[in-house]
C-alpha atoms as a PDB file:
ATOM      1  CA  UNK A   1      27.226  41.262 103.333  1.00  0.00           C
ATOM      2  CA  UNK A   2      26.159  37.822 102.117  1.00  0.00           C
ATOM      3  CA  UNK A   3      23.755  35.629 104.035  1.00  0.00           C
ATOM      4  CA  UNK A   4      24.312  31.922 104.451  1.00  0.00           C
ATOM      5  CA  UNK A   5      21.425  31.248 102.085  1.00  0.00           C
ATOM      6  CA  UNK A   6      23.479  32.929  99.342  1.00  0.00           C
ATOM      7  CA  UNK A   7      25.904  30.022  99.600  1.00  0.00           C
ATOM      8  CA  UNK A   8      23.489  27.112  99.321  1.00  0.00           C
ATOM      9  CA  UNK A   9      21.212  25.833  96.629  1.00  0.00           C
ATOM     10  CA  UNK A  10      18.344  23.366  96.593  1.00  0.00           C
ATOM     11  CA  UNK A  11      19.459  19.813  96.001  1.00  0.00           C
ATOM     12  CA  UNK A  12      18.612  18.449  92.548  1.00  0.00           C
ATOM     13  CA  UNK A  13      17.551  15.254  94.353  1.00  0.00           C
ATOM     14  CA  UNK A  14      14.506  17.040  95.828  1.00  0.00           C
ATOM     15  CA  UNK A  15      11.203  15.904  94.429  1.00  0.00           C
ATOM     16  CA  UNK A  16       7.843  17.553  94.791  1.00  0.00           C
ATOM     17  CA  UNK A  17       6.314  14.490  96.424  1.00  0.00           C
ATOM     18  CA  UNK A  18       9.145  13.971  98.895  1.00  0.00           C
ATOM     19  CA  UNK A  19      10.239  17.458  99.856  1.00  0.00           C
ATOM     20  CA  UNK A  20       8.272  20.525  98.847  1.00  0.00           C
ATOM     21  CA  UNK A  21      10.191  23.772  98.543  1.00  0.00           C
ATOM     22  CA  UNK A  22      10.846  25.418 101.916  1.00  0.00           C
ATOM     23  CA  UNK A  23       8.608  28.377 100.997  1.00  0.00           C
ATOM     24  CA  UNK A  24       5.572  26.087 100.843  1.00  0.00           C
ATOM     25  CA  UNK A  25       5.977  24.741 104.366  1.00  0.00           C
ATOM     26  CA  UNK A  26       8.351  26.548 106.726  1.00  0.00           C
ATOM     27  CA  UNK A  27       8.471  23.467 108.993  1.00  0.00           C
ATOM     28  CA  UNK A  28       9.712  21.261 106.122  1.00  0.00           C
ATOM     29  CA  UNK A  29      13.237  19.917 106.552  1.00  0.00           C
ATOM     30  CA  UNK A  30      15.608  21.604 104.152  1.00  0.00           C
ATOM     31  CA  UNK A  31      17.830  19.539 101.903  1.00  0.00           C
ATOM     32  CA  UNK A  32      20.906  21.423 100.749  1.00  0.00           C
ATOM     33  CA  UNK A  33      24.341  21.010  99.195  1.00  0.00           C
ATOM     34  CA  UNK A  34      27.243  23.216 100.159  1.00  0.00           C
ATOM     35  CA  UNK A  35      29.573  24.523  97.511  1.00  0.00           C
ATOM     36  CA  UNK A  36      33.262  25.204  97.786  1.00  0.00           C
ATOM     37  CA  UNK A  37      33.171  28.901  98.658  1.00  0.00           C
ATOM     38  CA  UNK A  38      36.729  30.032  98.319  1.00  0.00           C
ATOM     39  CA  UNK A  39      39.768  28.712  96.556  1.00  0.00           C
ATOM     40  CA  UNK A  40      43.320  29.948  96.118  1.00  0.00           C
ATOM     41  CA  UNK A  41      44.796  28.865  92.798  1.00  0.00           C
ATOM     42  CA  UNK A  42      48.422  29.535  93.726  1.00  0.00           C
ATOM     43  CA  UNK A  43      48.268  27.541  96.955  1.00  0.00           C
ATOM     44  CA  UNK A  44      45.753  24.899  95.780  1.00  0.00           C
ATOM     45  CA  UNK A  45      43.497  25.645  98.770  1.00  0.00           C
ATOM     46  CA  UNK A  46      39.738  25.077  98.870  1.00  0.00           C
ATOM     47  CA  UNK A  47      37.352  26.083 101.684  1.00  0.00           C
ATOM     48  CA  UNK A  48      33.702  25.455 102.406  1.00  0.00           C
ATOM     49  CA  UNK A  49      31.095  23.799 104.605  1.00  0.00           C
ATOM     50  CA  UNK A  50      31.728  20.100 105.159  1.00  0.00           C
ATOM     51  CA  UNK A  51      28.323  19.731 106.784  1.00  0.00           C
ATOM     52  CA  UNK A  52      25.637  21.948 108.240  1.00  0.00           C
ATOM     53  CA  UNK A  53      23.302  20.673 110.929  1.00  0.00           C
ATOM     54  CA  UNK A  54      21.101  23.746 111.407  1.00  0.00           C
ATOM     55  CA  UNK A  55      20.695  26.838 109.208  1.00  0.00           C
ATOM     56  CA  UNK A  56      21.199  30.319 110.539  1.00  0.00           C
ATOM     57  CA  UNK A  57      17.384  30.479 110.716  1.00  0.00           C
ATOM     58  CA  UNK A  58      17.257  27.490 113.076  1.00  0.00           C
ATOM     59  CA  UNK A  59      16.045  24.925 110.519  1.00  0.00           C
ATOM     60  CA  UNK A  60      17.536  21.438 110.587  1.00  0.00           C
ATOM     61  CA  UNK A  61      18.972  20.306 107.247  1.00  0.00           C
ATOM     62  CA  UNK A  62      18.561  16.950 105.570  1.00  0.00           C
ATOM     63  CA  UNK A  63      21.520  15.739 103.466  1.00  0.00           C
ATOM     64  CA  UNK A  64      21.486  13.909 100.140  1.00  0.00           C
ATOM     65  CA  UNK A  65      21.075  10.582 101.910  1.00  0.00           C
ATOM     66  CA  UNK A  66      18.046  12.044 103.706  1.00  0.00           C
ATOM     67  CA  UNK A  67      19.915  12.036 107.013  1.00  0.00           C
ATOM     68  CA  UNK A  68      20.012  14.766 109.625  1.00  0.00           C
ATOM     69  CA  UNK A  69      22.848  15.176 112.074  1.00  0.00           C
ATOM     70  CA  UNK A  70      22.537  16.741 115.488  1.00  0.00           C
ATOM     71  CA  UNK A  71      25.031  19.534 116.183  1.00  0.00           C
ATOM     72  CA  UNK A  72      26.744  17.686 119.040  1.00  0.00           C
ATOM     73  CA  UNK A  73      27.169  14.560 116.892  1.00  0.00           C
ATOM     74  CA  UNK A  74      28.609  16.632 114.034  1.00  0.00           C
ATOM     75  CA  UNK A  75      31.016  18.348 116.415  1.00  0.00           C
ATOM     76  CA  UNK A  76      32.231  15.020 117.806  1.00  0.00           C
ATOM     77  CA  UNK A  77      32.649  13.549 114.301  1.00  0.00           C
ATOM     78  CA  UNK A  78      34.620  16.598 113.164  1.00  0.00           C
ATOM     79  CA  UNK A  79      36.996  16.319 116.125  1.00  0.00           C
ATOM     80  CA  UNK A  80      37.548  12.630 115.429  1.00  0.00           C
ATOM     81  CA  UNK A  81      38.285  13.345 111.777  1.00  0.00           C
ATOM     82  CA  UNK A  82      40.820  16.038 112.640  1.00  0.00           C
ATOM     83  CA  UNK A  83      42.452  13.890 115.299  1.00  0.00           C
ATOM     84  CA  UNK A  84      42.615  10.622 113.386  1.00  0.00           C
ATOM     85  CA  UNK A  85      42.469  11.279 109.631  1.00  0.00           C
ATOM     86  CA  UNK A  86      42.917  14.779 108.160  1.00  0.00           C
ATOM     87  CA  UNK A  87      43.198  13.343 104.653  1.00  0.00           C
ATOM     88  CA  UNK A  88      41.013  14.301 101.719  1.00  0.00           C
ATOM     89  CA  UNK A  89      40.232  11.852  98.978  1.00  0.00           C
ATOM     90  CA  UNK A  90      38.734  11.912  95.544  1.00  0.00           C
ATOM     91  CA  UNK A  91      35.060  10.968  95.271  1.00  0.00           C
ATOM     92  CA  UNK A  92      35.305   8.492  98.193  1.00  0.00           C
ATOM     93  CA  UNK A  93      37.343   6.219  95.899  1.00  0.00           C
ATOM     94  CA  UNK A  94      40.917   6.952  96.915  1.00  0.00           C
ATOM     95  CA  UNK A  95      42.822   8.957  99.483  1.00  0.00           C
ATOM     96  CA  UNK A  96      45.905  11.101  99.166  1.00  0.00           C
ATOM     97  CA  UNK A  97      44.333  13.912  97.151  1.00  0.00           C
ATOM     98  CA  UNK A  98      44.318  16.608  99.853  1.00  0.00           C
ATOM     99  CA  UNK A  99      45.194  17.385 103.447  1.00  0.00           C
ATOM    100  CA  UNK A 100      43.089  19.288 105.979  1.00  0.00           C
ATOM    101  CA  UNK A 101      44.491  22.713 106.843  1.00  0.00           C
ATOM    102  CA  UNK A 102      41.481  24.365 108.509  1.00  0.00           C
ATOM    103  CA  UNK A 103      38.583  23.112 110.598  1.00  0.00           C
ATOM    104  CA  UNK A 104      36.036  24.872 112.769  1.00  0.00           C
ATOM    105  CA  UNK A 105      32.736  23.591 114.041  1.00  0.00           C
ATOM    106  CA  UNK A 106      30.507  26.607 114.534  1.00  0.00           C
ATOM    107  CA  UNK A 107      28.201  25.839 117.448  1.00  0.00           C
ATOM    108  CA  UNK A 108      25.822  28.313 119.089  1.00  0.00           C
ATOM    109  CA  UNK A 109      28.115  28.470 122.125  1.00  0.00           C
ATOM    110  CA  UNK A 110      31.272  29.110 120.074  1.00  0.00           C
ATOM    111  CA  UNK A 111      29.584  31.750 117.943  1.00  0.00           C
ATOM    112  CA  UNK A 112      28.442  33.554 121.092  1.00  0.00           C
ATOM    113  CA  UNK A 113      32.004  33.395 122.468  1.00  0.00           C
ATOM    114  CA  UNK A 114      33.353  34.811 119.213  1.00  0.00           C
ATOM    115  CA  UNK A 115      30.808  37.631 119.203  1.00  0.00           C
ATOM    116  CA  UNK A 116      29.035  36.334 116.092  1.00  0.00           C
ATOM    117  CA  UNK A 117      25.413  37.431 116.382  1.00  0.00           C
ATOM    118  CA  UNK A 118      22.782  34.695 116.481  1.00  0.00           C
ATOM    119  CA  UNK A 119      21.317  34.008 113.046  1.00  0.00           C
ATOM    120  CA  UNK A 120      24.475  35.047 111.192  1.00  0.00           C
ATOM    121  CA  UNK A 121      26.025  31.635 110.510  1.00  0.00           C
ATOM    122  CA  UNK A 122      24.675  28.114 110.504  1.00  0.00           C
ATOM    123  CA  UNK A 123      25.608  25.485 113.055  1.00  0.00           C
ATOM    124  CA  UNK A 124      28.040  23.509 110.965  1.00  0.00           C
ATOM    125  CA  UNK A 125      31.540  22.358 110.152  1.00  0.00           C
ATOM    126  CA  UNK A 126      33.716  24.681 108.030  1.00  0.00           C
ATOM    127  CA  UNK A 127      36.825  23.134 106.474  1.00  0.00           C
ATOM    128  CA  UNK A 128      39.776  23.976 104.274  1.00  0.00           C
ATOM    129  CA  UNK A 129      41.951  21.552 102.321  1.00  0.00           C
ATOM    130  CA  UNK A 130      45.282  21.896 100.569  1.00  0.00           C
ATOM    131  CA  UNK A 131      44.821  19.840  97.432  1.00  0.00           C
ATOM    132  CA  UNK A 132      47.980  17.860  96.758  1.00  0.00           C
ATOM    133  CA  UNK A 133      46.947  16.137  93.534  1.00  0.00           C
ATOM    134  CA  UNK A 134      47.224  18.423  90.458  1.00  0.00           C
ATOM    135  CA  UNK A 135      44.546  16.468  88.553  1.00  0.00           C
ATOM    136  CA  UNK A 136      42.090  16.844  91.419  1.00  0.00           C
ATOM    137  CA  UNK A 137      42.941  20.549  91.690  1.00  0.00           C
ATOM    138  CA  UNK A 138      42.109  21.017  87.999  1.00  0.00           C
ATOM    139  CA  UNK A 139      38.705  19.450  88.675  1.00  0.00           C
ATOM    140  CA  UNK A 140      38.153  21.867  91.571  1.00  0.00           C
ATOM    141  CA  UNK A 141      39.100  24.821  89.372  1.00  0.00           C
ATOM    142  CA  UNK A 142      36.937  23.804  86.416  1.00  0.00           C
ATOM    143  CA  UNK A 143      33.912  23.084  88.641  1.00  0.00           C
ATOM    144  CA  UNK A 144      33.832  19.302  88.292  1.00  0.00           C
ATOM    145  CA  UNK A 145      34.356  19.097  92.061  1.00  0.00           C
ATOM    146  CA  UNK A 146      32.415  22.040  93.446  1.00  0.00           C
ATOM    147  CA  UNK A 147      31.556  20.846  96.942  1.00  0.00           C
ATOM    148  CA  UNK A 148      32.816  18.783  99.849  1.00  0.00           C
ATOM    149  CA  UNK A 149      31.372  15.426 100.805  1.00  0.00           C
ATOM    150  CA  UNK A 150      31.995  13.834 104.157  1.00  0.00           C
ATOM    151  CA  UNK A 151      32.019  10.084 104.550  1.00  0.00           C
ATOM    152  CA  UNK A 152      31.295   8.156 107.691  1.00  0.00           C
ATOM    153  CA  UNK A 153      29.288   5.508 109.420  1.00  0.00           C
ATOM    154  CA  UNK A 154      26.397   5.956 111.794  1.00  0.00           C
ATOM    155  CA  UNK A 155      23.348   4.185 113.093  1.00  0.00           C
ATOM    156  CA  UNK A 156      20.143   5.532 111.617  1.00  0.00           C
ATOM    157  CA  UNK A 157      17.340   6.413 114.002  1.00  0.00           C
ATOM    158  CA  UNK A 158      13.823   7.430 113.015  1.00  0.00           C
ATOM    159  CA  UNK A 159      12.914  10.994 113.883  1.00  0.00           C
END
């Protein structure tokens, strides 16, 4: 069985001065990227984490923009996306490249209800898209596009 940490890797944007490796300071905020974990060539489907707020070990994650998102805020944003948008774009430049076919925000409460033991999955938003643009699908298959990136607006607050 794979652990969540098998699916993430340290962001190349991490610098020694800004964010030491998690092993050096267990209280340090983790900065991670989330790869596309599963794809189905015949159906042009791609699945993975859109965003993770808290690792399975209880550590809050910092994204590439050095932002952290609280689980309840992530859950609300995910519901708004599913209700109002459901469209996947290409590199935040254009829409119409994919359509959402799967979405689940894994919260502590939902995982408990589903019988998923604590510490098994992160608190985060899992998504799946049917890619509708053959050129974009080729880039998913060849690894050019190997992760999801969510776009949105928020007010920053110091932590």
